[in-house]
Amino acid sequence: MRVAIIGAGRAGTSLSIALARVGHRVSLVHHDELGRIGDVDLVLLAVPDDAIPTVAAQLPIDPARVVAHVAGSRTLDVLARHPRVASIHPLITMPNEDVGAERLVGATFAVAGDPLVREVVTSLRGRALVLSDEQRAAYHATATVAANHLVALLAHVQRLAEHAGLSLEDFLPLSQMALEDVVERGPERALTGPAARGDLATIDAHLGAIPASERSTYVALAQVAFDVAERRARTLA
């Protein structure tokens, strides 16, 4: 397949490396080099989300090719002037281009629109989640929590650890074990700790020991843990 990727940031570069590795003919161009696209089967817009409508409007209309974006948060409306449109959002993190390219092979992708993007997923030995426009915002919110908010949570752990005179690295094995338990058993059965036991005295002691700036985060997460514990109790009743 002949693919032009517009946008040479982490996502665009990762995609160009991965797609070339599985046999596609790929060209990577900047958003101000649209004249270099040429005759291709697929144009992938890997530009910032807010720039997608502008860049799409600058692309010449060509009924033979598919124009797709890689944004998880946008529907196909932003590409509406083109006759064949799609979206393909990789459900991975890309801390840099090399790691991103490796993770794209075998990844899960949220897709919509023209079926050509499903051929791309197949070529990458990936899994396709076909999304409707109505699912899009909730899907992207979930992805944000699963990755970005998990990182934010570990930043919270880091601040608490440093306040106790320790380090994030001291607690990462515990986090890894908890995540493995969720994978194997699900959140309800994986939950341990004071909220799971209904131990309010311990939680009060925690709140007295941690910095005031971290208490609202702790309380919000403890409430979620109480909710998980209640769901477990109802399930096992």
Protein backbone atom coordinates (compact mmCIF):
# COMPACT_ATOMS: atom_id res chain seq x y z
CA MET A 1 0.00 0.00 0.00
CA ARG A 2 1.21 3.52 -0.78
CA VAL A 3 0.89 5.67 2.33
CA ALA A 4 1.64 9.33 2.94
CA ILE A 5 1.87 10.43 6.55
CA ILE A 6 1.48 14.13 7.27
CA GLY A 7 3.18 15.13 10.50
CA ALA A 8 6.68 14.15 11.56
CA GLY A 9 6.16 14.12 15.33
CA ARG A 10 6.32 10.99 17.49
CA ALA A 11 3.09 9.48 16.17
CA GLY A 12 3.81 10.17 12.51
CA THR A 13 7.40 8.99 12.68
CA SER A 14 6.48 5.87 14.66
CA LEU A 15 3.81 5.00 12.09
CA SER A 16 6.16 5.59 9.18
CA ILE A 17 8.77 3.23 10.65
CA ALA A 18 6.25 0.52 11.55
CA LEU A 19 4.38 0.62 8.24
CA ALA A 20 7.59 0.53 6.23
CA ARG A 21 8.76 -2.49 8.24
CA VAL A 22 5.67 -4.48 7.25
CA GLY A 23 6.06 -3.69 3.57
CA HIS A 24 4.16 -0.49 2.82
CA ARG A 25 5.66 2.27 0.69
CA VAL A 26 5.64 5.21 3.06
CA SER A 27 6.44 8.88 2.67
CA LEU A 28 6.62 11.17 5.71
CA VAL A 29 5.92 14.84 5.05
CA HIS A 30 5.42 17.96 7.12
CA HIS A 31 2.06 19.74 7.13
CA ASP A 32 3.51 22.52 4.95
CA GLU A 33 4.76 20.07 2.30
CA LEU A 34 1.43 18.77 1.00
CA GLY A 35 2.64 19.07 -2.59
CA ARG A 36 5.00 16.15 -1.94
CA ILE A 37 2.23 13.64 -1.26
CA GLY A 38 1.89 12.34 -4.82
CA ASP A 39 -0.20 9.35 -5.88
CA VAL A 40 -1.02 7.31 -2.77
CA ASP A 41 -3.74 5.00 -1.50
CA LEU A 42 -3.90 6.44 2.00
CA VAL A 43 -3.12 9.80 3.58
CA LEU A 44 -2.71 9.66 7.36
CA LEU A 45 -3.00 12.94 9.24
CA ALA A 46 -0.73 12.67 12.28
CA VAL A 47 -0.97 16.34 13.19
CA PRO A 48 -2.27 17.94 16.42
CA ASP A 49 -5.99 17.31 16.85
CA ASP A 50 -6.99 20.95 16.46
CA ALA A 51 -5.02 21.18 13.20
CA ILE A 52 -6.79 18.27 11.48
CA PRO A 53 -9.62 20.32 9.86
CA THR A 54 -7.18 22.92 8.53
CA VAL A 55 -4.77 20.39 7.05
CA ALA A 56 -7.62 18.28 5.65
CA ALA A 57 -9.08 21.37 3.96
CA GLN A 58 -5.75 22.02 2.23
CA LEU A 59 -5.59 18.53 0.71
CA PRO A 60 -6.82 18.26 -2.89
CA ILE A 61 -9.93 16.13 -3.35
CA ASP A 62 -9.09 12.71 -4.77
CA PRO A 63 -11.89 10.09 -4.84
CA ALA A 64 -9.37 7.28 -5.30
CA ARG A 65 -7.59 7.72 -1.98
CA VAL A 66 -8.56 7.52 1.68
CA VAL A 67 -7.89 10.43 4.01
CA ALA A 68 -7.66 9.33 7.63
CA HIS A 69 -6.63 10.86 10.93
CA VAL A 70 -4.99 9.16 13.89
CA ALA A 71 -6.72 11.17 16.63
CA GLY A 72 -8.59 9.23 19.29
CA SER A 73 -10.75 12.20 20.23
CA ARG A 74 -12.09 13.26 16.82
CA THR A 75 -14.89 11.84 14.67
CA LEU A 76 -14.89 11.71 10.88
CA ASP A 77 -16.65 15.06 10.60
CA VAL A 78 -13.30 16.86 10.53
CA LEU A 79 -12.55 15.16 7.18
CA ALA A 80 -16.03 15.61 5.69
CA ARG A 81 -15.00 17.33 2.45
CA HIS A 82 -13.20 14.18 1.24
CA PRO A 83 -15.21 11.33 -0.34
CA ARG A 84 -13.34 8.48 1.41
CA VAL A 85 -12.49 9.09 5.05
CA ALA A 86 -11.43 7.03 8.06
CA SER A 87 -9.70 7.15 11.41
CA ILE A 88 -7.16 4.80 12.95
CA HIS A 89 -6.07 5.46 16.54
CA PRO A 90 -3.40 3.19 18.05
CA LEU A 91 -4.17 2.30 21.65
CA ILE A 92 -0.56 2.53 22.80
CA THR A 93 1.83 5.02 24.33
CA MET A 94 4.71 6.33 22.24
CA PRO A 95 7.41 7.81 24.48
CA ASN A 96 9.71 7.99 21.46
CA GLU A 97 9.70 6.95 17.81
CA ASP A 98 11.59 3.66 18.20
CA VAL A 99 9.43 2.37 21.05
CA GLY A 100 6.29 3.60 19.28
CA ALA A 101 7.20 1.75 16.09
CA GLU A 102 7.75 -1.51 17.99
CA ARG A 103 4.51 -1.20 19.94
CA LEU A 104 2.45 -0.52 16.82
CA VAL A 105 3.05 -4.07 15.61
CA GLY A 106 0.43 -6.22 17.32
CA ALA A 107 -1.34 -3.23 18.88
CA THR A 108 -5.04 -2.55 19.31
CA PHE A 109 -6.43 0.18 17.04
CA ALA A 110 -9.72 2.07 17.22
CA VAL A 111 -10.97 2.41 13.64
CA ALA A 112 -13.87 4.01 11.84
CA GLY A 113 -14.85 4.75 8.27
CA ASP A 114 -13.33 3.32 5.11
CA PRO A 115 -12.34 -0.36 5.45
CA LEU A 116 -8.87 0.35 4.03
CA VAL A 117 -7.68 1.21 7.54
CA ARG A 118 -8.62 -2.28 8.70
CA GLU A 119 -6.22 -3.61 6.07
CA VAL A 120 -3.55 -1.44 7.67
CA VAL A 121 -4.34 -2.95 11.08
CA THR A 122 -4.16 -6.46 9.62
CA SER A 123 -0.79 -5.71 8.02
CA LEU A 124 0.50 -4.66 11.45
CA ARG A 125 -0.88 -7.90 12.96
CA GLY A 126 -3.09 -5.76 15.16
CA ARG A 127 -6.61 -5.88 16.56
CA ALA A 128 -9.32 -3.48 15.38
CA LEU A 129 -11.99 -1.92 17.60
CA VAL A 130 -14.68 -0.50 15.32
CA LEU A 131 -16.11 2.65 16.92
CA SER A 132 -19.23 4.67 16.23
CA ASP A 133 -19.20 8.45 16.59
CA GLU A 134 -21.29 8.06 19.74
CA GLN A 135 -18.59 5.92 21.36
CA ARG A 136 -15.69 8.18 20.48
CA ALA A 137 -15.58 10.60 23.44
CA ALA A 138 -16.14 7.86 26.04
CA TYR A 139 -13.49 5.69 24.35
CA HIS A 140 -10.93 8.47 24.40
CA ALA A 141 -11.75 9.38 28.00
CA THR A 142 -11.14 5.76 28.97
CA ALA A 143 -7.84 5.69 27.10
CA THR A 144 -6.79 8.91 28.84
CA VAL A 145 -7.50 7.44 32.26
CA ALA A 146 -5.79 4.14 31.40
CA ALA A 147 -2.54 5.82 30.40
CA ASN A 148 -2.27 9.50 31.36
CA HIS A 149 -4.10 9.26 34.66
CA LEU A 150 -2.11 6.17 35.60
CA VAL A 151 1.06 8.21 35.12
CA ALA A 152 -0.48 11.02 37.18
CA LEU A 153 -1.31 8.49 39.93
CA LEU A 154 2.30 7.33 40.05
CA ALA A 155 3.41 10.95 40.29
CA HIS A 156 1.15 11.13 43.37
CA VAL A 157 2.90 8.02 44.70
CA GLN A 158 6.26 9.64 44.05
CA ARG A 159 5.35 12.75 46.05
CA LEU A 160 4.06 10.67 48.97
CA ALA A 161 7.17 8.49 48.90
CA GLU A 162 9.51 11.46 48.91
CA HIS A 163 7.58 13.01 51.81
CA ALA A 164 8.21 9.76 53.73
CA GLY A 165 11.93 9.91 52.89
CA LEU A 166 11.70 7.15 50.30
CA SER A 167 11.51 6.97 46.50
CA LEU A 168 9.08 5.98 43.75
CA GLU A 169 11.31 3.03 42.90
CA ASP A 170 10.65 1.54 46.35
CA PHE A 171 6.95 1.23 45.49
CA LEU A 172 6.95 0.38 41.77
CA PRO A 173 7.12 -3.40 42.37
CA LEU A 174 3.96 -3.08 44.49
CA SER A 175 2.24 -1.20 41.66
CA GLN A 176 3.33 -3.85 39.17
CA MET A 177 1.96 -6.63 41.37
CA ALA A 178 -1.37 -4.81 41.74
CA LEU A 179 -1.63 -4.37 37.96
CA GLU A 180 -0.86 -8.05 37.42
CA ASP A 181 -3.60 -8.92 39.91
CA VAL A 182 -6.09 -6.78 37.96
CA VAL A 183 -5.12 -8.54 34.74
CA GLU A 184 -5.57 -11.96 36.33
CA ARG A 185 -8.57 -11.34 38.60
CA GLY A 186 -10.25 -8.05 37.67
CA PRO A 187 -10.38 -4.86 39.81
CA GLU A 188 -12.87 -6.10 42.39
CA ARG A 189 -10.92 -9.22 43.34
CA ALA A 190 -7.54 -7.46 43.08
CA LEU A 191 -8.41 -4.73 45.59
CA THR A 192 -6.65 -4.90 48.95
CA GLY A 193 -5.85 -2.34 51.65
CA PRO A 194 -7.82 -0.27 54.17
CA ALA A 195 -10.73 0.65 51.88
CA ALA A 196 -11.25 -3.02 51.04
CA ARG A 197 -11.41 -3.75 54.79
CA GLY A 198 -13.48 -0.68 55.68
CA ASP A 199 -10.63 0.48 57.93
CA LEU A 200 -11.48 4.16 58.43
CA ALA A 201 -9.04 4.62 61.33
CA THR A 202 -6.10 3.74 59.10
CA ILE A 203 -7.31 6.10 56.38
CA ASP A 204 -7.61 8.91 58.93
CA ALA A 205 -4.04 8.20 60.04
CA HIS A 206 -2.88 8.36 56.44
CA LEU A 207 -4.52 11.74 55.94
CA GLY A 208 -2.78 13.07 59.03
CA ALA A 209 0.60 11.85 57.79
CA ILE A 210 0.65 13.02 54.18
CA PRO A 211 1.11 16.59 52.88
CA ALA A 212 -2.05 18.71 52.81
CA SER A 213 -1.55 19.23 49.06
CA GLU A 214 -1.96 15.48 48.46
CA ARG A 215 -5.00 14.84 50.66
CA SER A 216 -7.71 15.63 48.10
CA THR A 217 -6.18 13.16 45.65
CA TYR A 218 -5.92 10.50 48.35
CA VAL A 219 -9.53 11.04 49.43
CA ALA A 220 -10.83 10.86 45.85
CA LEU A 221 -8.98 7.62 45.21
CA ALA A 222 -10.04 6.16 48.56
CA GLN A 223 -13.66 6.84 47.64
CA VAL A 224 -13.19 4.98 44.37
CA ALA A 225 -11.64 2.10 46.34
CA PHE A 226 -14.67 2.04 48.66
CA ASP A 227 -16.94 1.88 45.60
CA VAL A 228 -14.95 -1.04 44.20
CA ALA A 229 -15.19 -2.81 47.55
CA GLU A 230 -18.96 -2.31 47.60
CA ARG A 231 -19.28 -3.76 44.09
CA ARG A 232 -17.24 -6.76 45.18
CA ALA A 233 -19.46 -7.29 48.22
CA ARG A 234 -22.60 -7.20 46.02
CA THR A 235 -21.04 -9.59 43.51
CA LEU A 236 -20.02 -12.12 46.16
CA ALA A 237 -23.24 -11.84 48.16
